[in-house]
Amino acid sequence: MALRLVAQGHQVSVYCGKPYSKNESLFYAGIKRIVLPTLQKKSLEKLVFTILSLIHVVFTKTDVILTLGISASLFCYIPRLFAIKVVINVDGLEPVKQFRNVTLW
């Protein structure tokens, strides 16, 4: 999606977690990479990265944010306080992935 948006002339930024970003370049195929730190604790990693990303984005000139995953949706009020539009894409299998090791019956 990001590559297609860049091809249409849009400016696209993608937030990357530092522990998973081996490449230090600021751009990839016209996409701006914003690398932020996060904790490397399984229970807090995604939560901390999401909050840092959403706080960081309010200080940029951004029209629309696309967040991925249901956990990010809990904090989408942060950019909305600054009148930034937020789109949430929830993978249909995410609830299944979260509970795959839990017996429900």
Protein backbone atom coordinates (compact mmCIF):
# COMPACT_ATOMS: atom_id res chain seq x y z
CA MET A 1 0.00 0.00 0.00
CA ALA A 2 2.78 2.45 0.93
CA LEU A 3 4.54 1.93 -2.41
CA ARG A 4 1.32 2.60 -4.33
CA LEU A 5 0.64 5.78 -2.34
CA VAL A 6 4.16 7.06 -3.02
CA ALA A 7 3.69 6.26 -6.73
CA GLN A 8 0.55 8.43 -6.69
CA GLY A 9 2.52 11.35 -5.25
CA HIS A 10 1.66 11.05 -1.55
CA GLN A 11 4.21 11.49 1.22
CA VAL A 12 4.25 8.31 3.31
CA SER A 13 5.94 7.67 6.64
CA VAL A 14 6.23 4.29 8.33
CA TYR A 15 7.09 3.76 11.99
CA CYS A 16 9.65 1.04 12.64
CA GLY A 17 10.71 -0.51 15.94
CA LYS A 18 14.45 -0.09 16.52
CA PRO A 19 15.04 -3.70 17.63
CA TYR A 20 13.72 -4.90 14.26
CA SER A 21 15.28 -2.24 12.01
CA LYS A 22 18.63 -3.48 10.80
CA ASN A 23 18.66 -0.90 8.03
CA GLU A 24 19.54 2.60 9.25
CA SER A 25 18.50 4.44 6.06
CA LEU A 26 15.88 7.19 6.47
CA PHE A 27 14.06 6.30 3.25
CA TYR A 28 13.08 3.13 1.46
CA ALA A 29 11.60 3.42 -2.06
CA GLY A 30 10.38 6.94 -1.31
CA ILE A 31 8.84 5.94 2.04
CA LYS A 32 10.13 7.83 5.07
CA ARG A 33 11.20 5.46 7.87
CA ILE A 34 10.79 6.74 11.42
CA VAL A 35 12.64 4.42 13.77
CA LEU A 36 11.59 4.58 17.42
CA PRO A 37 12.86 2.66 20.43
CA THR A 38 10.71 0.26 22.37
CA LEU A 39 11.07 -2.12 25.28
CA GLN A 40 12.03 -5.65 24.37
CA LYS A 41 9.66 -7.26 26.84
CA LYS A 42 7.02 -9.34 25.11
CA SER A 43 4.18 -8.04 27.26
CA LEU A 44 5.04 -4.33 26.87
CA GLU A 45 6.80 -4.08 23.50
CA LYS A 46 3.81 -3.41 21.26
CA LEU A 47 2.09 -1.20 23.83
CA VAL A 48 5.12 1.08 24.33
CA PHE A 49 5.87 1.28 20.60
CA THR A 50 2.25 2.16 19.80
CA ILE A 51 2.08 4.93 22.39
CA LEU A 52 5.44 6.41 21.33
CA SER A 53 4.44 6.34 17.66
CA LEU A 54 1.08 8.01 18.25
CA ILE A 55 2.62 10.71 20.44
CA HIS A 56 5.39 11.31 17.89
CA VAL A 57 2.99 11.62 14.97
CA VAL A 58 1.04 14.51 16.54
CA PHE A 59 4.17 16.67 16.19
CA THR A 60 4.39 16.05 12.44
CA LYS A 61 2.34 17.40 9.54
CA THR A 62 0.14 14.36 9.05
CA ASP A 63 -3.31 14.23 7.49
CA VAL A 64 -4.25 10.58 8.04
CA ILE A 65 -2.85 7.76 10.17
CA LEU A 66 -3.30 4.08 9.36
CA THR A 67 -2.85 1.86 12.40
CA LEU A 68 -2.58 -1.90 12.22
CA GLY A 69 -4.00 -4.19 14.86
CA ILE A 70 -6.62 -4.00 17.52
CA SER A 71 -4.19 -3.10 20.32
CA ALA A 72 -3.31 0.21 18.61
CA SER A 73 -6.98 1.18 18.54
CA LEU A 74 -7.00 1.74 22.31
CA PHE A 75 -4.75 4.79 21.91
CA CYS A 76 -6.11 6.29 18.69
CA TYR A 77 -7.74 9.06 20.70
CA ILE A 78 -4.27 10.69 21.03
CA PRO A 79 -3.99 11.90 17.41
CA ARG A 80 -7.75 12.53 17.29
CA LEU A 81 -7.27 15.15 20.04
CA PHE A 82 -5.15 17.01 17.47
CA ALA A 83 -7.74 16.63 14.66
CA ILE A 84 -5.71 13.97 12.82
CA LYS A 85 -7.86 11.38 11.06
CA VAL A 86 -7.24 7.77 12.09
CA VAL A 87 -7.98 4.60 10.13
CA ILE A 88 -7.72 1.28 11.97
CA ASN A 89 -7.07 -1.94 10.06
CA VAL A 90 -7.82 -4.98 12.20
CA ASP A 91 -6.65 -8.29 10.79
CA GLY A 92 -9.59 -10.67 10.85
CA LEU A 93 -7.40 -13.37 12.37
CA GLU A 94 -6.02 -11.23 15.21
CA PRO A 95 -8.48 -12.46 17.87
CA VAL A 96 -7.74 -16.04 16.80
CA LYS A 97 -3.98 -15.44 17.09
CA GLN A 98 -4.36 -13.92 20.55
CA PHE A 99 -6.32 -16.89 21.89
CA ARG A 100 -4.77 -19.77 19.98
CA ASN A 101 -3.33 -21.32 23.16
CA VAL A 102 -6.44 -20.80 25.26
CA THR A 103 -9.19 -23.38 25.59
CA LEU A 104 -12.51 -21.54 25.53
CA TRP A 105 -14.75 -24.52 26.35
